[in-house]
Amino acid sequence: MTLHEIKHMQAARRQSIKTPRDALRKMHNTHDPHEMHTWADNKPWWLLPLQVLGAVAMGTGLTLCLYYATIILFLL
């Protein structure tokens, strides 16, 4: 076996399985084995209201946190 053949085999092996994680993903991908739905835009209807609710809750939490932090600083 020549050096050229060894390099060719290594390149083919690297190309087929990039990382062990990719190999596991390929082996256990039973819901979409050919990755046909990877780029599909099929988000559930309830996701947008949940994201809005999360953004409002985060804004409220940050506002209250900053408000009480400034009160504590002025009391010291």
C-alpha atoms as a PDB file:
ATOM      1  CA  MET A   1       0.000   0.000   0.000  1.00  0.00           C
ATOM      2  CA  THR A   2       1.459   3.279  -1.067  1.00  0.00           C
ATOM      3  CA  LEU A   3       1.356   6.578   0.766  1.00  0.00           C
ATOM      4  CA  HIS A   4      -0.999   7.972  -1.869  1.00  0.00           C
ATOM      5  CA  GLU A   5      -3.505   5.161  -1.296  1.00  0.00           C
ATOM      6  CA  ILE A   6      -3.354   5.630   2.479  1.00  0.00           C
ATOM      7  CA  LYS A   7      -4.022   9.371   2.141  1.00  0.00           C
ATOM      8  CA  HIS A   8      -6.895   8.643  -0.252  1.00  0.00           C
ATOM      9  CA  MET A   9      -8.463   6.193   2.237  1.00  0.00           C
ATOM     10  CA  GLN A  10      -8.078   8.648   5.118  1.00  0.00           C
ATOM     11  CA  ALA A  11      -9.666  11.450   3.096  1.00  0.00           C
ATOM     12  CA  ALA A  12     -12.604   9.207   2.173  1.00  0.00           C
ATOM     13  CA  ARG A  13     -13.069   8.192   5.816  1.00  0.00           C
ATOM     14  CA  ARG A  14     -12.935  11.820   6.966  1.00  0.00           C
ATOM     15  CA  GLN A  15     -15.444  12.833   4.319  1.00  0.00           C
ATOM     16  CA  SER A  16     -17.982  10.155   5.196  1.00  0.00           C
ATOM     17  CA  ILE A  17     -17.976  10.685   8.987  1.00  0.00           C
ATOM     18  CA  LYS A  18     -16.789  14.088  10.115  1.00  0.00           C
ATOM     19  CA  THR A  19     -17.102  13.577  13.873  1.00  0.00           C
ATOM     20  CA  PRO A  20     -18.332  10.820  16.172  1.00  0.00           C
ATOM     21  CA  ARG A  21     -21.331  13.028  16.945  1.00  0.00           C
ATOM     22  CA  ASP A  22     -22.277  13.109  13.252  1.00  0.00           C
ATOM     23  CA  ALA A  23     -22.031   9.334  13.120  1.00  0.00           C
ATOM     24  CA  LEU A  24     -24.369   8.976  16.109  1.00  0.00           C
ATOM     25  CA  ARG A  25     -26.782  11.501  14.641  1.00  0.00           C
ATOM     26  CA  LYS A  26     -26.845   9.614  11.346  1.00  0.00           C
ATOM     27  CA  MET A  27     -27.299   6.268  13.075  1.00  0.00           C
ATOM     28  CA  HIS A  28     -30.138   7.377  15.388  1.00  0.00           C
ATOM     29  CA  ASN A  29     -31.971   9.733  13.031  1.00  0.00           C
ATOM     30  CA  THR A  30     -35.119   7.610  12.706  1.00  0.00           C
ATOM     31  CA  HIS A  31     -37.693  10.404  12.383  1.00  0.00           C
ATOM     32  CA  ASP A  32     -36.013  11.978   9.338  1.00  0.00           C
ATOM     33  CA  PRO A  33     -33.401   9.548   7.986  1.00  0.00           C
ATOM     34  CA  HIS A  34     -32.776  11.395   4.723  1.00  0.00           C
ATOM     35  CA  GLU A  35     -32.984  14.858   6.311  1.00  0.00           C
ATOM     36  CA  MET A  36     -35.863  15.892   4.089  1.00  0.00           C
ATOM     37  CA  HIS A  37     -37.544  18.065   6.738  1.00  0.00           C
ATOM     38  CA  THR A  38     -34.456  19.764   8.128  1.00  0.00           C
ATOM     39  CA  TRP A  39     -35.212  23.157   6.618  1.00  0.00           C
ATOM     40  CA  ALA A  40     -39.004  22.882   6.784  1.00  0.00           C
ATOM     41  CA  ASP A  41     -40.744  25.822   8.397  1.00  0.00           C
ATOM     42  CA  ASN A  42     -43.318  23.955  10.467  1.00  0.00           C
ATOM     43  CA  LYS A  43     -43.376  25.765  13.798  1.00  0.00           C
ATOM     44  CA  PRO A  44     -46.413  25.159  16.016  1.00  0.00           C
ATOM     45  CA  TRP A  45     -49.000  27.923  16.344  1.00  0.00           C
ATOM     46  CA  TRP A  46     -48.425  28.375  20.070  1.00  0.00           C
ATOM     47  CA  LEU A  47     -44.713  29.154  19.727  1.00  0.00           C
ATOM     48  CA  LEU A  48     -45.080  32.856  18.845  1.00  0.00           C
ATOM     49  CA  PRO A  49     -47.360  33.733  21.814  1.00  0.00           C
ATOM     50  CA  LEU A  50     -45.019  31.799  24.100  1.00  0.00           C
ATOM     51  CA  GLN A  51     -42.014  33.744  22.792  1.00  0.00           C
ATOM     52  CA  VAL A  52     -43.862  37.042  23.282  1.00  0.00           C
ATOM     53  CA  LEU A  53     -44.814  36.020  26.823  1.00  0.00           C
ATOM     54  CA  GLY A  54     -41.179  35.101  27.525  1.00  0.00           C
ATOM     55  CA  ALA A  55     -39.937  38.443  26.215  1.00  0.00           C
ATOM     56  CA  VAL A  56     -42.472  40.335  28.357  1.00  0.00           C
ATOM     57  CA  ALA A  57     -41.527  38.298  31.442  1.00  0.00           C
ATOM     58  CA  MET A  58     -37.821  38.883  30.809  1.00  0.00           C
ATOM     59  CA  GLY A  59     -38.345  42.617  30.353  1.00  0.00           C
ATOM     60  CA  THR A  60     -40.409  42.809  33.530  1.00  0.00           C
ATOM     61  CA  GLY A  61     -37.817  40.845  35.478  1.00  0.00           C
ATOM     62  CA  LEU A  62     -34.954  43.008  34.264  1.00  0.00           C
ATOM     63  CA  THR A  63     -36.879  46.196  34.999  1.00  0.00           C
ATOM     64  CA  LEU A  64     -37.698  45.095  38.546  1.00  0.00           C
ATOM     65  CA  CYS A  65     -34.151  43.920  39.132  1.00  0.00           C
ATOM     66  CA  LEU A  66     -32.676  47.245  38.024  1.00  0.00           C
ATOM     67  CA  TYR A  67     -35.284  49.198  40.005  1.00  0.00           C
ATOM     68  CA  TYR A  68     -34.578  47.390  43.267  1.00  0.00           C
ATOM     69  CA  ALA A  69     -30.821  47.497  42.652  1.00  0.00           C
ATOM     70  CA  THR A  70     -30.938  51.277  42.318  1.00  0.00           C
ATOM     71  CA  ILE A  71     -33.076  51.585  45.478  1.00  0.00           C
ATOM     72  CA  ILE A  72     -30.588  49.458  47.412  1.00  0.00           C
ATOM     73  CA  LEU A  73     -27.662  51.531  46.109  1.00  0.00           C
ATOM     74  CA  PHE A  74     -29.328  54.815  47.149  1.00  0.00           C
ATOM     75  CA  LEU A  75     -30.128  53.486  50.607  1.00  0.00           C
ATOM     76  CA  LEU A  76     -26.490  52.646  51.286  1.00  0.00           C
END
